[in-house]
Amino acid sequence: MSTNPITVNPVQKFRALLPSGSRTFGIIASVNATNNTSTITLQNGDRLVVKGSDHAASDRVLIVDGEIRQKVPTLPFTNITMF
């Protein structure tokens, strides 16, 4: 969906500020330097193979569109379910 830069619609202006693409966090389970990929363990336990082998196993990383973008700090995590 393209947005008109001169629009007065506040929802479209807000959407234009948000980053595009999928983003997630995970912990590197293993690194395969020969094909430049890493296996990531997500918070729900699923595993994902992504591009990038510049980080070490057990590093927490940001994944954007299937590629490791950067290392991120380990912060406390709280899961809240609201009804």
PDB file of N, CA and C in Angstrom:
ATOM      1  N   MET A   1       0.835  -1.164   0.000  1.00  0.00           N
ATOM      2  CA  MET A   1       0.000   0.000   0.000  1.00  0.00           C
ATOM      3  C   MET A   1       0.886   1.235   0.000  1.00  0.00           C
ATOM      4  N   SER A   2       0.770   2.066  -0.982  1.00  0.00           N
ATOM      5  CA  SER A   2       1.572   3.274  -1.040  1.00  0.00           C
ATOM      6  C   SER A   2       0.808   4.413  -0.388  1.00  0.00           C
ATOM      7  N   THR A   3       1.564   5.318   0.198  1.00  0.00           N
ATOM      8  CA  THR A   3       0.936   6.460   0.842  1.00  0.00           C
ATOM      9  C   THR A   3       1.300   7.729   0.103  1.00  0.00           C
ATOM     10  N   ASN A   4       0.386   8.618   0.070  1.00  0.00           N
ATOM     11  CA  ASN A   4       0.606   9.912  -0.557  1.00  0.00           C
ATOM     12  C   ASN A   4       1.337  10.800   0.450  1.00  0.00           C
ATOM     13  N   PRO A   5       2.499  11.385   0.101  1.00  0.00           N
ATOM     14  CA  PRO A   5       3.264  12.175   1.072  1.00  0.00           C
ATOM     15  C   PRO A   5       2.543  13.443   1.519  1.00  0.00           C
ATOM     16  N   ILE A   6       1.546  13.889   0.770  1.00  0.00           N
ATOM     17  CA  ILE A   6       0.854  15.116   1.171  1.00  0.00           C
ATOM     18  C   ILE A   6      -0.527  14.823   1.761  1.00  0.00           C
ATOM     19  N   THR A   7      -0.753  13.574   2.166  1.00  0.00           N
ATOM     20  CA  THR A   7      -2.041  13.197   2.716  1.00  0.00           C
ATOM     21  C   THR A   7      -2.290  13.856   4.067  1.00  0.00           C
ATOM     22  N   VAL A   8      -3.533  14.039   4.382  1.00  0.00           N
ATOM     23  CA  VAL A   8      -3.896  14.577   5.689  1.00  0.00           C
ATOM     24  C   VAL A   8      -4.488  13.488   6.575  1.00  0.00           C
ATOM     25  N   ASN A   9      -4.552  12.260   6.063  1.00  0.00           N
ATOM     26  CA  ASN A   9      -5.081  11.142   6.826  1.00  0.00           C
ATOM     27  C   ASN A   9      -4.060  10.753   7.896  1.00  0.00           C
ATOM     28  N   PRO A  10      -4.391  10.896   9.189  1.00  0.00           N
ATOM     29  CA  PRO A  10      -3.414  10.602  10.244  1.00  0.00           C
ATOM     30  C   PRO A  10      -3.015   9.126  10.312  1.00  0.00           C
ATOM     31  N   VAL A  11      -3.909   8.218   9.942  1.00  0.00           N
ATOM     32  CA  VAL A  11      -3.572   6.790   9.962  1.00  0.00           C
ATOM     33  C   VAL A  11      -2.501   6.494   8.921  1.00  0.00           C
ATOM     34  N   GLN A  12      -2.632   7.038   7.735  1.00  0.00           N
ATOM     35  CA  GLN A  12      -1.622   6.824   6.694  1.00  0.00           C
ATOM     36  C   GLN A  12      -0.293   7.470   7.086  1.00  0.00           C
ATOM     37  N   LYS A  13      -0.329   8.609   7.719  1.00  0.00           N
ATOM     38  CA  LYS A  13       0.915   9.248   8.179  1.00  0.00           C
ATOM     39  C   LYS A  13       1.608   8.369   9.216  1.00  0.00           C
ATOM     40  N   PHE A  14       0.821   7.800  10.139  1.00  0.00           N
ATOM     41  CA  PHE A  14       1.385   6.930  11.163  1.00  0.00           C
ATOM     42  C   PHE A  14       1.993   5.675  10.547  1.00  0.00           C
ATOM     43  N   ARG A  15       1.280   5.031   9.627  1.00  0.00           N
ATOM     44  CA  ARG A  15       1.798   3.823   8.969  1.00  0.00           C
ATOM     45  C   ARG A  15       3.099   4.094   8.224  1.00  0.00           C
ATOM     46  N   ALA A  16       3.245   5.284   7.679  1.00  0.00           N
ATOM     47  CA  ALA A  16       4.470   5.628   6.958  1.00  0.00           C
ATOM     48  C   ALA A  16       5.676   5.686   7.896  1.00  0.00           C
ATOM     49  N   LEU A  17       5.447   5.907   9.187  1.00  0.00           N
ATOM     50  CA  LEU A  17       6.535   5.967  10.160  1.00  0.00           C
ATOM     51  C   LEU A  17       7.006   4.588  10.618  1.00  0.00           C
ATOM     52  N   LEU A  18       6.146   3.587  10.502  1.00  0.00           N
ATOM     53  CA  LEU A  18       6.469   2.251  10.984  1.00  0.00           C
ATOM     54  C   LEU A  18       7.406   1.523  10.025  1.00  0.00           C
ATOM     55  N   PRO A  19       8.317   0.711  10.579  1.00  0.00           N
ATOM     56  CA  PRO A  19       9.210  -0.061   9.707  1.00  0.00           C
ATOM     57  C   PRO A  19       8.435  -1.161   8.998  1.00  0.00           C
ATOM     58  N   SER A  20       8.859  -1.495   7.792  1.00  0.00           N
ATOM     59  CA  SER A  20       8.206  -2.563   7.047  1.00  0.00           C
ATOM     60  C   SER A  20       8.987  -3.860   7.219  1.00  0.00           C
ATOM     61  N   GLY A  21       8.367  -4.972   6.882  1.00  0.00           N
ATOM     62  CA  GLY A  21       9.029  -6.265   6.981  1.00  0.00           C
ATOM     63  C   GLY A  21       8.782  -6.919   8.323  1.00  0.00           C
ATOM     64  N   SER A  22       9.122  -8.198   8.402  1.00  0.00           N
ATOM     65  CA  SER A  22       8.927  -8.938   9.645  1.00  0.00           C
ATOM     66  C   SER A  22      10.164  -8.794  10.531  1.00  0.00           C
ATOM     67  N   ARG A  23       9.916  -8.643  11.825  1.00  0.00           N
ATOM     68  CA  ARG A  23      10.997  -8.518  12.811  1.00  0.00           C
ATOM     69  C   ARG A  23      10.720  -9.449  13.964  1.00  0.00           C
ATOM     70  N   THR A  24      11.754 -10.118  14.433  1.00  0.00           N
ATOM     71  CA  THR A  24      11.624 -10.981  15.598  1.00  0.00           C
ATOM     72  C   THR A  24      12.972 -11.077  16.302  1.00  0.00           C
ATOM     73  N   PHE A  25      12.936 -11.600  17.512  1.00  0.00           N
ATOM     74  CA  PHE A  25      14.152 -11.792  18.290  1.00  0.00           C
ATOM     75  C   PHE A  25      14.326 -13.270  18.557  1.00  0.00           C
ATOM     76  N   GLY A  26      15.574 -13.687  18.712  1.00  0.00           N
ATOM     77  CA  GLY A  26      15.843 -15.079  19.033  1.00  0.00           C
ATOM     78  C   GLY A  26      17.257 -15.256  19.535  1.00  0.00           C
ATOM     79  N   ILE A  27      17.550 -16.479  19.953  1.00  0.00           N
ATOM     80  CA  ILE A  27      18.879 -16.818  20.460  1.00  0.00           C
ATOM     81  C   ILE A  27      19.520 -17.774  19.466  1.00  0.00           C
ATOM     82  N   ILE A  28      20.764 -17.508  19.103  1.00  0.00           N
ATOM     83  CA  ILE A  28      21.468 -18.348  18.129  1.00  0.00           C
ATOM     84  C   ILE A  28      21.775 -19.701  18.768  1.00  0.00           C
ATOM     85  N   ALA A  29      21.259 -20.762  18.145  1.00  0.00           N
ATOM     86  CA  ALA A  29      21.513 -22.126  18.608  1.00  0.00           C
ATOM     87  C   ALA A  29      22.783 -22.686  17.977  1.00  0.00           C
ATOM     88  N   SER A  30      22.986 -22.403  16.680  1.00  0.00           N
ATOM     89  CA  SER A  30      24.190 -22.868  15.994  1.00  0.00           C
ATOM     90  C   SER A  30      24.484 -21.962  14.807  1.00  0.00           C
ATOM     91  N   VAL A  31      25.753 -21.960  14.403  1.00  0.00           N
ATOM     92  CA  VAL A  31      26.211 -21.126  13.293  1.00  0.00           C
ATOM     93  C   VAL A  31      26.846 -22.024  12.247  1.00  0.00           C
ATOM     94  N   ASN A  32      26.482 -21.815  10.982  1.00  0.00           N
ATOM     95  CA  ASN A  32      27.072 -22.553   9.871  1.00  0.00           C
ATOM     96  C   ASN A  32      27.785 -21.525   8.982  1.00  0.00           C
ATOM     97  N   ALA A  33      29.090 -21.361   9.200  1.00  0.00           N
ATOM     98  CA  ALA A  33      29.857 -20.348   8.479  1.00  0.00           C
ATOM     99  C   ALA A  33      30.061 -20.702   7.010  1.00  0.00           C
ATOM    100  N   THR A  34      29.971 -21.981   6.654  1.00  0.00           N
ATOM    101  CA  THR A  34      30.213 -22.361   5.264  1.00  0.00           C
ATOM    102  C   THR A  34      29.135 -21.839   4.319  1.00  0.00           C
ATOM    103  N   ASN A  35      27.880 -21.794   4.788  1.00  0.00           N
ATOM    104  CA  ASN A  35      26.826 -21.254   3.917  1.00  0.00           C
ATOM    105  C   ASN A  35      26.212 -19.971   4.470  1.00  0.00           C
ATOM    106  N   ASN A  36      26.889 -19.358   5.449  1.00  0.00           N
ATOM    107  CA  ASN A  36      26.500 -18.061   6.017  1.00  0.00           C
ATOM    108  C   ASN A  36      25.072 -18.072   6.565  1.00  0.00           C
ATOM    109  N   THR A  37      24.741 -19.105   7.366  1.00  0.00           N
ATOM    110  CA  THR A  37      23.437 -19.167   8.009  1.00  0.00           C
ATOM    111  C   THR A  37      23.597 -19.468   9.493  1.00  0.00           C
ATOM    112  N   SER A  38      22.542 -19.205  10.230  1.00  0.00           N
ATOM    113  CA  SER A  38      22.496 -19.530  11.648  1.00  0.00           C
ATOM    114  C   SER A  38      21.127 -20.110  11.970  1.00  0.00           C
ATOM    115  N   THR A  39      21.090 -21.023  12.925  1.00  0.00           N
ATOM    116  CA  THR A  39      19.827 -21.565  13.410  1.00  0.00           C
ATOM    117  C   THR A  39      19.465 -20.797  14.670  1.00  0.00           C
ATOM    118  N   ILE A  40      18.260 -20.252  14.675  1.00  0.00           N
ATOM    119  CA  ILE A  40      17.792 -19.398  15.757  1.00  0.00           C
ATOM    120  C   ILE A  40      16.693 -20.124  16.517  1.00  0.00           C
ATOM    121  N   THR A  41      16.721 -20.040  17.840  1.00  0.00           N
ATOM    122  CA  THR A  41      15.632 -20.539  18.670  1.00  0.00           C
ATOM    123  C   THR A  41      14.792 -19.342  19.085  1.00  0.00           C
ATOM    124  N   LEU A  42      13.507 -19.372  18.717  1.00  0.00           N
ATOM    125  CA  LEU A  42      12.596 -18.284  19.050  1.00  0.00           C
ATOM    126  C   LEU A  42      12.069 -18.467  20.475  1.00  0.00           C
ATOM    127  N   GLN A  43      11.400 -17.454  21.008  1.00  0.00           N
ATOM    128  CA  GLN A  43      10.906 -17.504  22.385  1.00  0.00           C
ATOM    129  C   GLN A  43       9.899 -18.621  22.604  1.00  0.00           C
ATOM    130  N   ASN A  44       9.150 -19.000  21.573  1.00  0.00           N
ATOM    131  CA  ASN A  44       8.163 -20.069  21.727  1.00  0.00           C
ATOM    132  C   ASN A  44       8.771 -21.459  21.528  1.00  0.00           C
ATOM    133  N   GLY A  45      10.094 -21.533  21.286  1.00  0.00           N
ATOM    134  CA  GLY A  45      10.786 -22.806  21.126  1.00  0.00           C
ATOM    135  C   GLY A  45      10.980 -23.245  19.695  1.00  0.00           C
ATOM    136  N   ASP A  46      10.303 -22.597  18.751  1.00  0.00           N
ATOM    137  CA  ASP A  46      10.482 -22.934  17.338  1.00  0.00           C
ATOM    138  C   ASP A  46      11.896 -22.579  16.895  1.00  0.00           C
ATOM    139  N   ARG A  47      12.363 -23.285  15.869  1.00  0.00           N
ATOM    140  CA  ARG A  47      13.687 -23.002  15.295  1.00  0.00           C
ATOM    141  C   ARG A  47      13.527 -22.442  13.902  1.00  0.00           C
ATOM    142  N   LEU A  48      14.460 -21.576  13.542  1.00  0.00           N
ATOM    143  CA  LEU A  48      14.399 -20.866  12.278  1.00  0.00           C
ATOM    144  C   LEU A  48      15.811 -20.744  11.732  1.00  0.00           C
ATOM    145  N   VAL A  49      16.010 -21.016  10.447  1.00  0.00           N
ATOM    146  CA  VAL A  49      17.320 -20.840   9.808  1.00  0.00           C
ATOM    147  C   VAL A  49      17.287 -19.511   9.072  1.00  0.00           C
ATOM    148  N   VAL A  50      18.274 -18.645   9.379  1.00  0.00           N
ATOM    149  CA  VAL A  50      18.318 -17.302   8.808  1.00  0.00           C
ATOM    150  C   VAL A  50      19.695 -17.030   8.225  1.00  0.00           C
ATOM    151  N   LYS A  51      19.789 -15.984   7.408  1.00  0.00           N
ATOM    152  CA  LYS A  51      21.074 -15.570   6.841  1.00  0.00           C
ATOM    153  C   LYS A  51      21.901 -14.875   7.915  1.00  0.00           C
ATOM    154  N   GLY A  52      23.208 -15.086   7.864  1.00  0.00           N
ATOM    155  CA  GLY A  52      24.124 -14.414   8.779  1.00  0.00           C
ATOM    156  C   GLY A  52      24.844 -15.382   9.683  1.00  0.00           C
ATOM    157  N   SER A  53      26.153 -15.220   9.776  1.00  0.00           N
ATOM    158  CA  SER A  53      26.961 -16.091  10.641  1.00  0.00           C
ATOM    159  C   SER A  53      28.032 -15.291  11.377  1.00  0.00           C
ATOM    160  N   ASP A  54      27.809 -13.990  11.558  1.00  0.00           N
ATOM    161  CA  ASP A  54      28.816 -13.137  12.184  1.00  0.00           C
ATOM    162  C   ASP A  54      28.757 -13.135  13.711  1.00  0.00           C
ATOM    163  N   HIS A  55      27.759 -13.781  14.294  1.00  0.00           N
ATOM    164  CA  HIS A  55      27.601 -13.780  15.744  1.00  0.00           C
ATOM    165  C   HIS A  55      27.815 -15.181  16.287  1.00  0.00           C
ATOM    166  N   ALA A  56      28.031 -15.268  17.592  1.00  0.00           N
ATOM    167  CA  ALA A  56      28.328 -16.553  18.225  1.00  0.00           C
ATOM    168  C   ALA A  56      27.056 -17.221  18.745  1.00  0.00           C
ATOM    169  N   ALA A  57      27.162 -18.533  18.963  1.00  0.00           N
ATOM    170  CA  ALA A  57      26.053 -19.276  19.569  1.00  0.00           C
ATOM    171  C   ALA A  57      25.744 -18.670  20.930  1.00  0.00           C
ATOM    172  N   SER A  58      24.484 -18.657  21.290  1.00  0.00           N
ATOM    173  CA  SER A  58      23.914 -18.116  22.529  1.00  0.00           C
ATOM    174  C   SER A  58      23.779 -16.596  22.519  1.00  0.00           C
ATOM    175  N   ASP A  59      24.143 -15.926  21.426  1.00  0.00           N
ATOM    176  CA  ASP A  59      23.890 -14.481  21.312  1.00  0.00           C
ATOM    177  C   ASP A  59      22.411 -14.258  21.025  1.00  0.00           C
ATOM    178  N   ARG A  60      21.842 -13.220  21.597  1.00  0.00           N
ATOM    179  CA  ARG A  60      20.454 -12.827  21.324  1.00  0.00           C
ATOM    180  C   ARG A  60      20.517 -11.808  20.189  1.00  0.00           C
ATOM    181  N   VAL A  61      19.743 -12.047  19.122  1.00  0.00           N
ATOM    182  CA  VAL A  61      19.850 -11.217  17.925  1.00  0.00           C
ATOM    183  C   VAL A  61      18.482 -10.763  17.424  1.00  0.00           C
ATOM    184  N   LEU A  62      18.498  -9.673  16.670  1.00  0.00           N
ATOM    185  CA  LEU A  62      17.329  -9.157  15.973  1.00  0.00           C
ATOM    186  C   LEU A  62      17.352  -9.707  14.563  1.00  0.00           C
ATOM    187  N   ILE A  63      16.218 -10.273  14.117  1.00  0.00           N
ATOM    188  CA  ILE A  63      16.107 -10.837  12.771  1.00  0.00           C
ATOM    189  C   ILE A  63      15.099 -10.002  12.000  1.00  0.00           C
ATOM    190  N   VAL A  64      15.529  -9.477  10.853  1.00  0.00           N
ATOM    191  CA  VAL A  64      14.655  -8.676  10.000  1.00  0.00           C
ATOM    192  C   VAL A  64      14.606  -9.332   8.624  1.00  0.00           C
ATOM    193  N   ASP A  65      13.412  -9.700   8.204  1.00  0.00           N
ATOM    194  CA  ASP A  65      13.206 -10.325   6.888  1.00  0.00           C
ATOM    195  C   ASP A  65      14.138 -11.508   6.644  1.00  0.00           C
ATOM    196  N   GLY A  66      14.297 -12.383   7.661  1.00  0.00           N
ATOM    197  CA  GLY A  66      15.077 -13.604   7.490  1.00  0.00           C
ATOM    198  C   GLY A  66      16.577 -13.425   7.532  1.00  0.00           C
ATOM    199  N   GLU A  67      17.054 -12.308   8.066  1.00  0.00           N
ATOM    200  CA  GLU A  67      18.493 -12.037   8.131  1.00  0.00           C
ATOM    201  C   GLU A  67      18.835 -11.435   9.488  1.00  0.00           C
ATOM    202  N   ILE A  68      19.958 -11.882  10.075  1.00  0.00           N
ATOM    203  CA  ILE A  68      20.392 -11.314  11.353  1.00  0.00           C
ATOM    204  C   ILE A  68      20.831  -9.884  11.115  1.00  0.00           C
ATOM    205  N   ARG A  69      20.229  -8.985  11.840  1.00  0.00           N
ATOM    206  CA  ARG A  69      20.546  -7.569  11.667  1.00  0.00           C
ATOM    207  C   ARG A  69      21.565  -7.081  12.692  1.00  0.00           C
ATOM    208  N   GLN A  70      21.361  -7.477  13.971  1.00  0.00           N
ATOM    209  CA  GLN A  70      22.302  -7.022  14.999  1.00  0.00           C
ATOM    210  C   GLN A  70      22.116  -7.821  16.281  1.00  0.00           C
ATOM    211  N   LYS A  71      23.120  -7.751  17.145  1.00  0.00           N
ATOM    212  CA  LYS A  71      23.039  -8.364  18.466  1.00  0.00           C
ATOM    213  C   LYS A  71      22.245  -7.420  19.361  1.00  0.00           C
ATOM    214  N   VAL A  72      21.416  -7.981  20.237  1.00  0.00           N
ATOM    215  CA  VAL A  72      20.617  -7.161  21.148  1.00  0.00           C
ATOM    216  C   VAL A  72      20.902  -7.596  22.583  1.00  0.00           C
ATOM    217  N   PRO A  73      20.707  -6.680  23.543  1.00  0.00           N
ATOM    218  CA  PRO A  73      20.964  -7.037  24.937  1.00  0.00           C
ATOM    219  C   PRO A  73      19.891  -7.979  25.477  1.00  0.00           C
ATOM    220  N   THR A  74      20.248  -8.721  26.498  1.00  0.00           N
ATOM    221  CA  THR A  74      19.287  -9.581  27.172  1.00  0.00           C
ATOM    222  C   THR A  74      18.566  -8.746  28.217  1.00  0.00           C
ATOM    223  N   LEU A  75      17.272  -8.606  28.050  1.00  0.00           N
ATOM    224  CA  LEU A  75      16.455  -7.817  28.956  1.00  0.00           C
ATOM    225  C   LEU A  75      15.399  -8.714  29.595  1.00  0.00           C
ATOM    226  N   PRO A  76      14.846  -8.309  30.731  1.00  0.00           N
ATOM    227  CA  PRO A  76      13.779  -9.111  31.330  1.00  0.00           C
ATOM    228  C   PRO A  76      12.580  -9.191  30.398  1.00  0.00           C
ATOM    229  N   PHE A  77      11.889 -10.325  30.421  1.00  0.00           N
ATOM    230  CA  PHE A  77      10.738 -10.545  29.555  1.00  0.00           C
ATOM    231  C   PHE A  77       9.530 -10.887  30.403  1.00  0.00           C
ATOM    232  N   THR A  78       8.420 -10.237  30.115  1.00  0.00           N
ATOM    233  CA  THR A  78       7.161 -10.522  30.799  1.00  0.00           C
ATOM    234  C   THR A  78       6.094 -10.768  29.758  1.00  0.00           C
ATOM    235  N   ASN A  79       5.354 -11.855  29.922  1.00  0.00           N
ATOM    236  CA  ASN A  79       4.276 -12.172  28.995  1.00  0.00           C
ATOM    237  C   ASN A  79       2.948 -11.955  29.723  1.00  0.00           C
ATOM    238  N   ILE A  80       2.108 -11.094  29.183  1.00  0.00           N
ATOM    239  CA  ILE A  80       0.830 -10.790  29.802  1.00  0.00           C
ATOM    240  C   ILE A  80      -0.273 -11.159  28.826  1.00  0.00           C
ATOM    241  N   THR A  81      -1.247 -11.936  29.310  1.00  0.00           N
ATOM    242  CA  THR A  81      -2.402 -12.285  28.496  1.00  0.00           C
ATOM    243  C   THR A  81      -3.584 -11.468  28.972  1.00  0.00           C
ATOM    244  N   MET A  82      -4.181 -10.726  28.027  1.00  0.00           N
ATOM    245  CA  MET A  82      -5.324  -9.888  28.385  1.00  0.00           C
ATOM    246  C   MET A  82      -6.560 -10.425  27.684  1.00  0.00           C
ATOM    247  N   PHE A  83      -7.654 -10.415  28.381  1.00  0.00           N
ATOM    248  CA  PHE A  83      -8.925 -10.880  27.825  1.00  0.00           C
ATOM    249  C   PHE A  83      -9.867  -9.734  27.639  1.00  0.00           C
TER     250      PHE A  83
END
